[in-house]
Amino acid sequence: MLVSHDAADGIWRLVGASDADSSTGRIGHLHHAVDEDQTLIDVLDLAGRSSAARAGVGQLWTGPP
């Protein structure tokens, strides 16, 4: 329900409906996440140091752009 884009290293962080936990985190290509959730296309133009969130699956993303 949260997407952030880090300016320093260019890494994207995607947090789903459950709490973020380093023991369950995964590293992967961003395009795989988009394949699973097409609504991520709406936030791929986030500038570095930006984030967007939504209240639930199917809800609109809020925050930048």
N, C-alpha and C. Protein backbone atom coordinates (compact mmCIF):
# COMPACT_ATOMS: atom_id res chain seq x y z
N MET A 1 0.81 -1.19 0.00
CA MET A 1 0.00 0.00 0.00
C MET A 1 0.86 1.26 0.00
N LEU A 2 2.19 1.07 -0.05
CA LEU A 2 3.13 2.18 -0.07
C LEU A 2 4.20 1.90 -1.11
N VAL A 3 4.51 2.93 -1.90
CA VAL A 3 5.59 2.86 -2.88
C VAL A 3 6.50 4.05 -2.61
N SER A 4 7.80 3.80 -2.51
CA SER A 4 8.73 4.92 -2.37
C SER A 4 9.90 4.72 -3.32
N HIS A 5 10.48 5.84 -3.71
CA HIS A 5 11.60 5.84 -4.65
C HIS A 5 12.73 6.60 -3.99
N ASP A 6 13.84 5.94 -3.73
CA ASP A 6 14.98 6.53 -3.04
C ASP A 6 15.88 7.24 -4.04
N ALA A 7 16.16 8.52 -3.80
CA ALA A 7 16.98 9.29 -4.72
C ALA A 7 18.44 8.86 -4.69
N ALA A 8 18.94 8.50 -3.52
CA ALA A 8 20.36 8.20 -3.38
C ALA A 8 20.78 6.96 -4.15
N ASP A 9 20.00 5.90 -4.05
CA ASP A 9 20.40 4.65 -4.71
C ASP A 9 19.45 4.20 -5.81
N GLY A 10 18.36 4.94 -6.03
CA GLY A 10 17.41 4.61 -7.09
C GLY A 10 16.52 3.41 -6.79
N ILE A 11 16.59 2.90 -5.57
CA ILE A 11 15.81 1.71 -5.21
C ILE A 11 14.35 2.07 -4.97
N TRP A 12 13.49 1.21 -5.44
CA TRP A 12 12.05 1.32 -5.20
C TRP A 12 11.70 0.38 -4.05
N ARG A 13 10.86 0.85 -3.15
CA ARG A 13 10.38 0.02 -2.05
C ARG A 13 8.87 -0.10 -2.18
N LEU A 14 8.40 -1.32 -2.16
CA LEU A 14 6.97 -1.60 -2.31
C LEU A 14 6.52 -2.32 -1.05
N VAL A 15 5.55 -1.75 -0.36
CA VAL A 15 5.03 -2.36 0.87
C VAL A 15 3.57 -2.70 0.62
N GLY A 16 3.22 -3.95 0.88
CA GLY A 16 1.86 -4.42 0.63
C GLY A 16 0.94 -4.20 1.81
N ALA A 17 -0.09 -5.01 1.88
CA ALA A 17 -1.12 -4.86 2.91
C ALA A 17 -0.64 -5.25 4.29
N SER A 18 0.38 -6.10 4.38
CA SER A 18 0.90 -6.48 5.70
C SER A 18 2.05 -5.54 6.08
N ASP A 19 2.43 -5.56 7.34
CA ASP A 19 3.53 -4.72 7.80
C ASP A 19 4.83 -5.11 7.10
N ALA A 20 5.65 -4.10 6.83
CA ALA A 20 6.96 -4.36 6.25
C ALA A 20 7.82 -5.03 7.30
N ASP A 21 8.54 -6.05 6.88
CA ASP A 21 9.37 -6.81 7.81
C ASP A 21 10.60 -7.29 7.04
N SER A 22 11.78 -7.03 7.55
CA SER A 22 12.99 -7.40 6.83
C SER A 22 13.10 -8.90 6.61
N SER A 23 12.44 -9.70 7.43
CA SER A 23 12.52 -11.15 7.26
C SER A 23 11.65 -11.65 6.11
N THR A 24 10.67 -10.86 5.67
CA THR A 24 9.80 -11.29 4.57
C THR A 24 10.03 -10.47 3.30
N GLY A 25 10.94 -9.51 3.35
CA GLY A 25 11.22 -8.68 2.19
C GLY A 25 11.86 -9.48 1.07
N ARG A 26 11.67 -9.01 -0.14
CA ARG A 26 12.25 -9.65 -1.32
C ARG A 26 12.90 -8.60 -2.19
N ILE A 27 13.87 -9.02 -2.95
CA ILE A 27 14.51 -8.16 -3.94
C ILE A 27 14.14 -8.71 -5.30
N GLY A 28 13.73 -7.82 -6.20
CA GLY A 28 13.36 -8.27 -7.54
C GLY A 28 13.32 -7.11 -8.50
N HIS A 29 13.08 -7.42 -9.74
CA HIS A 29 12.94 -6.39 -10.76
C HIS A 29 11.58 -5.72 -10.62
N LEU A 30 11.55 -4.42 -10.80
CA LEU A 30 10.32 -3.66 -10.69
C LEU A 30 9.27 -4.16 -11.67
N HIS A 31 9.67 -4.58 -12.84
CA HIS A 31 8.69 -5.02 -13.84
C HIS A 31 7.91 -6.24 -13.37
N HIS A 32 8.49 -7.07 -12.51
CA HIS A 32 7.74 -8.22 -11.98
C HIS A 32 6.60 -7.75 -11.06
N ALA A 33 6.87 -6.72 -10.27
CA ALA A 33 5.83 -6.17 -9.41
C ALA A 33 4.72 -5.57 -10.25
N VAL A 34 5.08 -4.87 -11.32
CA VAL A 34 4.07 -4.28 -12.21
C VAL A 34 3.26 -5.38 -12.89
N ASP A 35 3.90 -6.48 -13.23
CA ASP A 35 3.15 -7.61 -13.81
C ASP A 35 2.07 -8.09 -12.85
N GLU A 36 2.36 -8.07 -11.56
CA GLU A 36 1.42 -8.52 -10.53
C GLU A 36 0.35 -7.47 -10.22
N ASP A 37 0.71 -6.19 -10.32
CA ASP A 37 -0.21 -5.10 -9.97
C ASP A 37 -0.05 -3.96 -10.97
N GLN A 38 -0.90 -3.96 -11.98
CA GLN A 38 -0.83 -2.96 -13.05
C GLN A 38 -1.02 -1.53 -12.56
N THR A 39 -1.62 -1.33 -11.37
CA THR A 39 -1.82 0.03 -10.87
C THR A 39 -0.51 0.70 -10.49
N LEU A 40 0.57 -0.06 -10.37
CA LEU A 40 1.88 0.53 -10.08
C LEU A 40 2.33 1.45 -11.22
N ILE A 41 1.81 1.23 -12.41
CA ILE A 41 2.15 2.10 -13.55
C ILE A 41 1.81 3.54 -13.22
N ASP A 42 0.79 3.75 -12.40
CA ASP A 42 0.36 5.10 -12.05
C ASP A 42 1.38 5.87 -11.21
N VAL A 43 2.32 5.17 -10.59
CA VAL A 43 3.28 5.85 -9.71
C VAL A 43 4.73 5.69 -10.18
N LEU A 44 4.95 5.16 -11.36
CA LEU A 44 6.32 4.95 -11.83
C LEU A 44 7.05 6.23 -12.17
N ASP A 45 6.35 7.36 -12.19
CA ASP A 45 7.04 8.62 -12.45
C ASP A 45 7.37 9.37 -11.16
N LEU A 46 7.36 8.66 -10.04
CA LEU A 46 7.76 9.27 -8.77
C LEU A 46 9.21 9.73 -8.85
N ALA A 47 9.44 10.96 -8.44
CA ALA A 47 10.81 11.46 -8.37
C ALA A 47 11.50 10.82 -7.17
N GLY A 48 12.81 10.87 -7.16
CA GLY A 48 13.56 10.38 -6.01
C GLY A 48 13.13 11.10 -4.74
N ARG A 49 13.16 10.41 -3.62
CA ARG A 49 12.72 10.91 -2.32
C ARG A 49 11.21 11.12 -2.25
N SER A 50 10.47 10.47 -3.11
CA SER A 50 9.02 10.61 -3.11
C SER A 50 8.37 9.29 -2.75
N SER A 51 7.12 9.38 -2.34
CA SER A 51 6.35 8.17 -2.06
C SER A 51 4.89 8.41 -2.37
N ALA A 52 4.16 7.33 -2.54
CA ALA A 52 2.72 7.37 -2.75
C ALA A 52 2.12 6.23 -1.94
N ALA A 53 0.90 6.42 -1.49
CA ALA A 53 0.23 5.41 -0.68
C ALA A 53 -1.22 5.28 -1.11
N ARG A 54 -1.83 4.21 -0.67
CA ARG A 54 -3.26 4.03 -0.91
C ARG A 54 -3.85 3.28 0.27
N ALA A 55 -5.14 3.45 0.46
CA ALA A 55 -5.82 2.88 1.62
C ALA A 55 -6.05 1.38 1.48
N GLY A 56 -6.14 0.89 0.26
CA GLY A 56 -6.40 -0.53 0.06
C GLY A 56 -6.25 -0.90 -1.40
N VAL A 57 -6.27 -2.18 -1.65
CA VAL A 57 -6.18 -2.68 -3.03
C VAL A 57 -7.34 -2.11 -3.83
N GLY A 58 -7.04 -1.61 -5.01
CA GLY A 58 -8.07 -1.03 -5.86
C GLY A 58 -8.33 0.44 -5.62
N GLN A 59 -7.77 1.00 -4.54
CA GLN A 59 -7.94 2.42 -4.24
C GLN A 59 -6.94 3.22 -5.06
N LEU A 60 -7.18 4.53 -5.15
CA LEU A 60 -6.27 5.40 -5.89
C LEU A 60 -5.02 5.69 -5.06
N TRP A 61 -3.89 5.84 -5.75
CA TRP A 61 -2.65 6.25 -5.10
C TRP A 61 -2.73 7.73 -4.77
N THR A 62 -2.22 8.12 -3.61
CA THR A 62 -2.15 9.52 -3.22
C THR A 62 -0.70 9.89 -2.95
N GLY A 63 -0.40 11.15 -3.14
CA GLY A 63 0.97 11.63 -2.98
C GLY A 63 1.49 12.07 -4.33
N PRO A 64 2.77 12.42 -4.39
CA PRO A 64 3.32 12.83 -5.70
C PRO A 64 3.08 11.72 -6.69
N PRO A 65 2.99 11.91 -7.90
CA PRO A 65 3.49 13.01 -8.70
C PRO A 65 2.58 14.13 -8.55
